[in-house]
Amino acid sequence: MKKKRKTYTKEFKEQAVAHWENSDKTAEEVAVSLGIPDFTYLTKWKASLAKSGKDAFPGRGNLSGKDAEIDTLKRQLKDAQMERDILKKAVGIFSRL
């Protein structure tokens, strides 16, 4: 049987890293006190926050920042192209009448 992996919210990760940075404790001690099974989670979270800032930890299937905007624009372009093609076909059909 598969063991269910625990997930942490974005807020929890940010608070855990802030707690670690503002205390004199080691990453291992903070991880134990917060119930995190491995202190390397904290180091990875800290690196991710440093690299991505507010766009860190987007979640499953969620895109961050520019990637989300690009995805939205691609969907809008696809819709506009489909509408254009339908109108072209309609003009062709009605011009024969």
C-alpha atoms as a PDB file:
ATOM      1  CA  MET A   1       0.000   0.000   0.000  1.00  0.00           C
ATOM      2  CA  LYS A   2       1.225   3.451  -0.888  1.00  0.00           C
ATOM      3  CA  LYS A   3       2.012   5.866   1.891  1.00  0.00           C
ATOM      4  CA  LYS A   4       0.290   9.223   1.445  1.00  0.00           C
ATOM      5  CA  ARG A   5       2.761  12.064   1.145  1.00  0.00           C
ATOM      6  CA  LYS A   6       2.113  15.073   3.318  1.00  0.00           C
ATOM      7  CA  THR A   7       1.675  18.381   1.544  1.00  0.00           C
ATOM      8  CA  TYR A   8       2.315  21.821   2.963  1.00  0.00           C
ATOM      9  CA  THR A   9       0.592  25.068   2.055  1.00  0.00           C
ATOM     10  CA  LYS A  10       2.409  28.044   0.623  1.00  0.00           C
ATOM     11  CA  GLU A  11       1.761  29.997   3.813  1.00  0.00           C
ATOM     12  CA  PHE A  12       3.180  27.219   5.992  1.00  0.00           C
ATOM     13  CA  LYS A  13       6.348  27.067   3.915  1.00  0.00           C
ATOM     14  CA  GLU A  14       6.832  30.829   4.032  1.00  0.00           C
ATOM     15  CA  GLN A  15       6.239  30.931   7.789  1.00  0.00           C
ATOM     16  CA  ALA A  16       8.557  27.976   8.398  1.00  0.00           C
ATOM     17  CA  VAL A  17      11.377  29.656   6.479  1.00  0.00           C
ATOM     18  CA  ALA A  18      10.745  32.966   8.260  1.00  0.00           C
ATOM     19  CA  HIS A  19      10.783  31.169  11.620  1.00  0.00           C
ATOM     20  CA  TRP A  20      14.083  29.505  10.754  1.00  0.00           C
ATOM     21  CA  GLU A  21      15.652  32.786   9.578  1.00  0.00           C
ATOM     22  CA  ASN A  22      14.484  34.729  12.663  1.00  0.00           C
ATOM     23  CA  SER A  23      15.548  32.169  15.241  1.00  0.00           C
ATOM     24  CA  ASP A  24      18.910  30.985  16.458  1.00  0.00           C
ATOM     25  CA  LYS A  25      17.933  27.367  15.828  1.00  0.00           C
ATOM     26  CA  THR A  26      19.347  25.147  13.137  1.00  0.00           C
ATOM     27  CA  ALA A  27      17.219  23.953  10.232  1.00  0.00           C
ATOM     28  CA  GLU A  28      17.065  20.524  11.834  1.00  0.00           C
ATOM     29  CA  GLU A  29      15.741  21.903  15.126  1.00  0.00           C
ATOM     30  CA  VAL A  30      13.110  24.027  13.378  1.00  0.00           C
ATOM     31  CA  ALA A  31      12.009  21.077  11.260  1.00  0.00           C
ATOM     32  CA  VAL A  32      11.551  18.889  14.337  1.00  0.00           C
ATOM     33  CA  SER A  33       9.620  21.598  16.177  1.00  0.00           C
ATOM     34  CA  LEU A  34       7.271  22.104  13.206  1.00  0.00           C
ATOM     35  CA  GLY A  35       6.810  18.412  12.477  1.00  0.00           C
ATOM     36  CA  ILE A  36       8.639  18.459   9.158  1.00  0.00           C
ATOM     37  CA  PRO A  37      10.188  15.032   8.580  1.00  0.00           C
ATOM     38  CA  ASP A  38      13.409  16.246   6.956  1.00  0.00           C
ATOM     39  CA  PHE A  39      15.258  19.521   7.435  1.00  0.00           C
ATOM     40  CA  THR A  40      16.235  19.559   3.745  1.00  0.00           C
ATOM     41  CA  TYR A  41      12.665  20.665   3.010  1.00  0.00           C
ATOM     42  CA  LEU A  42      13.468  23.935   4.767  1.00  0.00           C
ATOM     43  CA  THR A  43      16.632  24.489   2.766  1.00  0.00           C
ATOM     44  CA  LYS A  44      14.797  23.805  -0.502  1.00  0.00           C
ATOM     45  CA  TRP A  45      11.941  26.114   0.479  1.00  0.00           C
ATOM     46  CA  LYS A  46      14.393  28.862   1.399  1.00  0.00           C
ATOM     47  CA  ALA A  47      16.190  28.528  -1.939  1.00  0.00           C
ATOM     48  CA  SER A  48      12.892  28.575  -3.809  1.00  0.00           C
ATOM     49  CA  LEU A  49      11.784  31.731  -1.990  1.00  0.00           C
ATOM     50  CA  ALA A  50      15.111  33.405  -2.719  1.00  0.00           C
ATOM     51  CA  LYS A  51      14.897  32.495  -6.393  1.00  0.00           C
ATOM     52  CA  SER A  52      11.207  33.117  -7.144  1.00  0.00           C
ATOM     53  CA  GLY A  53      10.037  35.450  -4.402  1.00  0.00           C
ATOM     54  CA  LYS A  54       6.244  35.776  -4.335  1.00  0.00           C
ATOM     55  CA  ASP A  55       5.894  33.312  -7.240  1.00  0.00           C
ATOM     56  CA  ALA A  56       7.449  30.492  -5.215  1.00  0.00           C
ATOM     57  CA  PHE A  57       5.323  27.426  -4.467  1.00  0.00           C
ATOM     58  CA  PRO A  58       2.679  27.758  -7.199  1.00  0.00           C
ATOM     59  CA  GLY A  59       1.060  24.432  -6.305  1.00  0.00           C
ATOM     60  CA  ARG A  60       0.057  21.467  -8.406  1.00  0.00           C
ATOM     61  CA  GLY A  61      -0.742  22.369 -11.976  1.00  0.00           C
ATOM     62  CA  ASN A  62      -0.661  26.076 -11.296  1.00  0.00           C
ATOM     63  CA  LEU A  63       1.578  28.306 -13.297  1.00  0.00           C
ATOM     64  CA  SER A  64       3.355  31.278 -11.875  1.00  0.00           C
ATOM     65  CA  GLY A  65       3.707  34.856 -13.072  1.00  0.00           C
ATOM     66  CA  LYS A  66       4.528  35.154 -16.747  1.00  0.00           C
ATOM     67  CA  ASP A  67       3.818  31.488 -17.470  1.00  0.00           C
ATOM     68  CA  ALA A  68       0.203  31.915 -16.371  1.00  0.00           C
ATOM     69  CA  GLU A  69      -0.158  35.049 -18.493  1.00  0.00           C
ATOM     70  CA  ILE A  70       1.334  33.308 -21.527  1.00  0.00           C
ATOM     71  CA  ASP A  71      -1.032  30.371 -21.084  1.00  0.00           C
ATOM     72  CA  THR A  72      -4.036  32.716 -20.876  1.00  0.00           C
ATOM     73  CA  LEU A  73      -2.947  34.601 -23.995  1.00  0.00           C
ATOM     74  CA  LYS A  74      -2.460  31.357 -25.919  1.00  0.00           C
ATOM     75  CA  ARG A  75      -6.006  30.254 -25.043  1.00  0.00           C
ATOM     76  CA  GLN A  76      -7.402  33.631 -26.127  1.00  0.00           C
ATOM     77  CA  LEU A  77      -5.491  33.469 -29.415  1.00  0.00           C
ATOM     78  CA  LYS A  78      -6.801  29.960 -30.102  1.00  0.00           C
ATOM     79  CA  ASP A  79     -10.386  31.126 -29.459  1.00  0.00           C
ATOM     80  CA  ALA A  80      -9.958  34.166 -31.731  1.00  0.00           C
ATOM     81  CA  GLN A  81      -8.526  32.001 -34.528  1.00  0.00           C
ATOM     82  CA  MET A  82     -11.438  29.579 -34.227  1.00  0.00           C
ATOM     83  CA  GLU A  83     -13.951  32.439 -34.427  1.00  0.00           C
ATOM     84  CA  ARG A  84     -12.139  33.853 -37.466  1.00  0.00           C
ATOM     85  CA  ASP A  85     -12.243  30.481 -39.245  1.00  0.00           C
ATOM     86  CA  ILE A  86     -15.964  30.116 -38.544  1.00  0.00           C
ATOM     87  CA  LEU A  87     -16.646  33.600 -39.928  1.00  0.00           C
ATOM     88  CA  LYS A  88     -14.571  32.851 -43.049  1.00  0.00           C
ATOM     89  CA  LYS A  89     -16.644  29.722 -43.703  1.00  0.00           C
ATOM     90  CA  ALA A  90     -19.879  31.632 -43.118  1.00  0.00           C
ATOM     91  CA  VAL A  91     -18.851  34.356 -45.582  1.00  0.00           C
ATOM     92  CA  GLY A  92     -18.025  31.672 -48.155  1.00  0.00           C
ATOM     93  CA  ILE A  93     -21.384  29.960 -47.691  1.00  0.00           C
ATOM     94  CA  PHE A  94     -23.455  33.156 -47.822  1.00  0.00           C
ATOM     95  CA  SER A  95     -21.564  34.616 -50.777  1.00  0.00           C
ATOM     96  CA  ARG A  96     -22.692  31.646 -52.919  1.00  0.00           C
ATOM     97  CA  LEU A  97     -26.351  32.374 -52.269  1.00  0.00           C
END
